Amino acid sequence: MSADVFERTVSRTLDELPAQFRDLLENVEILIEGEHWDEPDLYGLYEGIPLTERSSGSTDFQQPDRVYVFRRPLTEDFGHDAATLTHEIRVTLLHELAHFFGIGEDRLSELGWA
């Protein structure tokens, strides 16, 4: 899968989110990187403060949260089949976005998104 198609899969996944969730992603950067700097086999990563842990009404400057999707490990592990790779890109992105919304690993496992 080309880098362009990979990026379009990420964009399409974001576009397909319900508007009430997309609107909450205003201060979230979605980044596609080759691989994680310390854990090269990691598919994705969320960095930030989940919505459920933020204090309401805070006027402090909030740096953007970041969601990373790592191309190399996904492509190496699932690139043998375009449909499988597309599915895994979507699952990875949705998994990391779930952390932004405050959903933890245990709940993600229960939902089949771990």
Protein backbone atom coordinates (compact mmCIF):
# COMPACT_ATOMS: atom_id res chain seq x y z
CA MET A 1 0.00 0.00 0.00
CA SER A 2 1.40 3.36 -0.98
CA ALA A 3 1.87 6.15 1.56
CA ASP A 4 -0.89 8.11 -0.21
CA VAL A 5 -3.41 5.26 0.12
CA PHE A 6 -2.38 4.74 3.75
CA GLU A 7 -3.05 8.44 4.46
CA ARG A 8 -6.38 8.32 2.64
CA THR A 9 -7.42 5.35 4.79
CA VAL A 10 -6.66 7.38 7.92
CA SER A 11 -8.54 10.40 6.53
CA ARG A 12 -11.53 8.31 5.50
CA THR A 13 -11.69 6.74 8.96
CA LEU A 14 -11.77 10.21 10.53
CA ASP A 15 -14.40 11.41 8.05
CA GLU A 16 -16.64 8.46 8.92
CA LEU A 17 -16.72 9.30 12.64
CA PRO A 18 -20.05 10.69 13.85
CA ALA A 19 -20.00 14.50 13.89
CA GLN A 20 -20.33 14.68 17.69
CA PHE A 21 -17.01 12.82 18.02
CA ARG A 22 -15.24 14.53 15.12
CA ASP A 23 -16.05 17.92 16.64
CA LEU A 24 -14.22 16.95 19.84
CA LEU A 25 -11.02 16.27 17.89
CA GLU A 26 -10.40 19.95 17.19
CA ASN A 27 -7.20 20.03 19.28
CA VAL A 28 -5.96 16.54 18.36
CA GLU A 29 -3.17 16.05 15.82
CA ILE A 30 -3.30 12.84 13.81
CA LEU A 31 0.22 11.94 12.73
CA ILE A 32 1.39 9.16 10.44
CA GLU A 33 4.98 8.16 11.12
CA GLY A 34 7.19 5.39 9.82
CA GLU A 35 7.67 3.73 13.19
CA HIS A 36 7.80 4.54 16.89
CA TRP A 37 11.14 5.93 18.01
CA ASP A 38 11.57 3.46 20.92
CA GLU A 39 9.17 0.62 20.11
CA PRO A 40 9.43 -0.09 16.37
CA ASP A 41 6.68 -2.75 16.42
CA LEU A 42 4.02 -0.44 17.88
CA TYR A 43 1.05 0.23 15.58
CA GLY A 44 -0.25 3.38 17.24
CA LEU A 45 0.08 5.69 20.22
CA TYR A 46 -2.01 8.30 22.01
CA GLU A 47 -0.22 11.15 23.81
CA GLY A 48 -2.26 13.61 25.81
CA ILE A 49 -4.82 14.00 28.55
CA PRO A 50 -8.00 11.98 27.99
CA LEU A 51 -11.21 14.00 27.99
CA THR A 52 -12.38 12.14 31.09
CA GLU A 53 -9.37 13.42 33.06
CA ARG A 54 -9.62 17.10 32.14
CA SER A 55 -11.04 19.68 34.46
CA SER A 56 -13.93 21.60 32.98
CA GLY A 57 -13.66 25.33 32.57
CA SER A 58 -9.87 25.35 32.57
CA THR A 59 -8.44 28.33 30.75
CA ASP A 60 -4.88 26.99 30.70
CA PHE A 61 -3.32 26.63 27.28
CA GLN A 62 -3.69 23.03 26.24
CA GLN A 63 -1.09 21.59 23.89
CA PRO A 64 -2.67 19.45 21.20
CA ASP A 65 -3.12 15.80 22.00
CA ARG A 66 -1.45 13.54 19.47
CA VAL A 67 -2.49 10.28 17.90
CA TYR A 68 0.22 8.46 15.99
CA VAL A 69 -0.32 5.70 13.44
CA PHE A 70 2.89 3.90 12.51
CA ARG A 71 3.05 2.83 8.87
CA ARG A 72 5.98 0.37 8.80
CA PRO A 73 4.79 -2.21 11.36
CA LEU A 74 1.23 -2.14 10.05
CA THR A 75 2.38 -2.54 6.45
CA GLU A 76 4.86 -5.30 7.31
CA ASP A 77 2.38 -7.28 9.39
CA PHE A 78 -0.75 -6.83 7.27
CA GLY A 79 0.40 -5.59 3.86
CA HIS A 80 -0.02 -9.02 2.26
CA ASP A 81 -3.73 -8.23 1.92
CA ALA A 82 -5.08 -4.73 1.18
CA ALA A 83 -8.42 -5.34 2.92
CA THR A 84 -6.73 -6.64 6.07
CA LEU A 85 -4.29 -3.73 6.12
CA THR A 86 -7.12 -1.22 5.69
CA HIS A 87 -9.00 -2.87 8.55
CA GLU A 88 -5.94 -2.81 10.83
CA ILE A 89 -5.22 0.86 10.06
CA ARG A 90 -8.80 1.69 11.02
CA VAL A 91 -8.67 -0.42 14.20
CA THR A 92 -5.38 1.20 15.23
CA LEU A 93 -6.66 4.73 14.70
CA LEU A 94 -9.97 4.06 16.46
CA HIS A 95 -8.13 2.35 19.33
CA GLU A 96 -5.92 5.38 19.90
CA LEU A 97 -8.83 7.81 19.55
CA ALA A 98 -10.69 5.76 22.16
CA HIS A 99 -7.89 6.57 24.61
CA PHE A 100 -8.48 10.28 23.90
CA PHE A 101 -12.13 9.74 24.83
CA GLY A 102 -11.06 8.01 28.06
CA ILE A 103 -11.60 4.38 27.14
CA GLY A 104 -8.94 2.14 28.70
CA GLU A 105 -7.29 -1.04 27.48
CA ASP A 106 -9.54 -3.36 29.49
CA ARG A 107 -12.70 -1.91 27.98
CA LEU A 108 -11.14 -1.90 24.51
CA SER A 109 -10.37 -5.61 24.95
CA GLU A 110 -14.00 -6.26 25.92
CA LEU A 111 -15.12 -4.43 22.79
CA GLY A 112 -12.66 -6.34 20.58
CA TRP A 113 -10.57 -3.26 19.78
CA ALA A 114 -7.41 -4.18 21.66
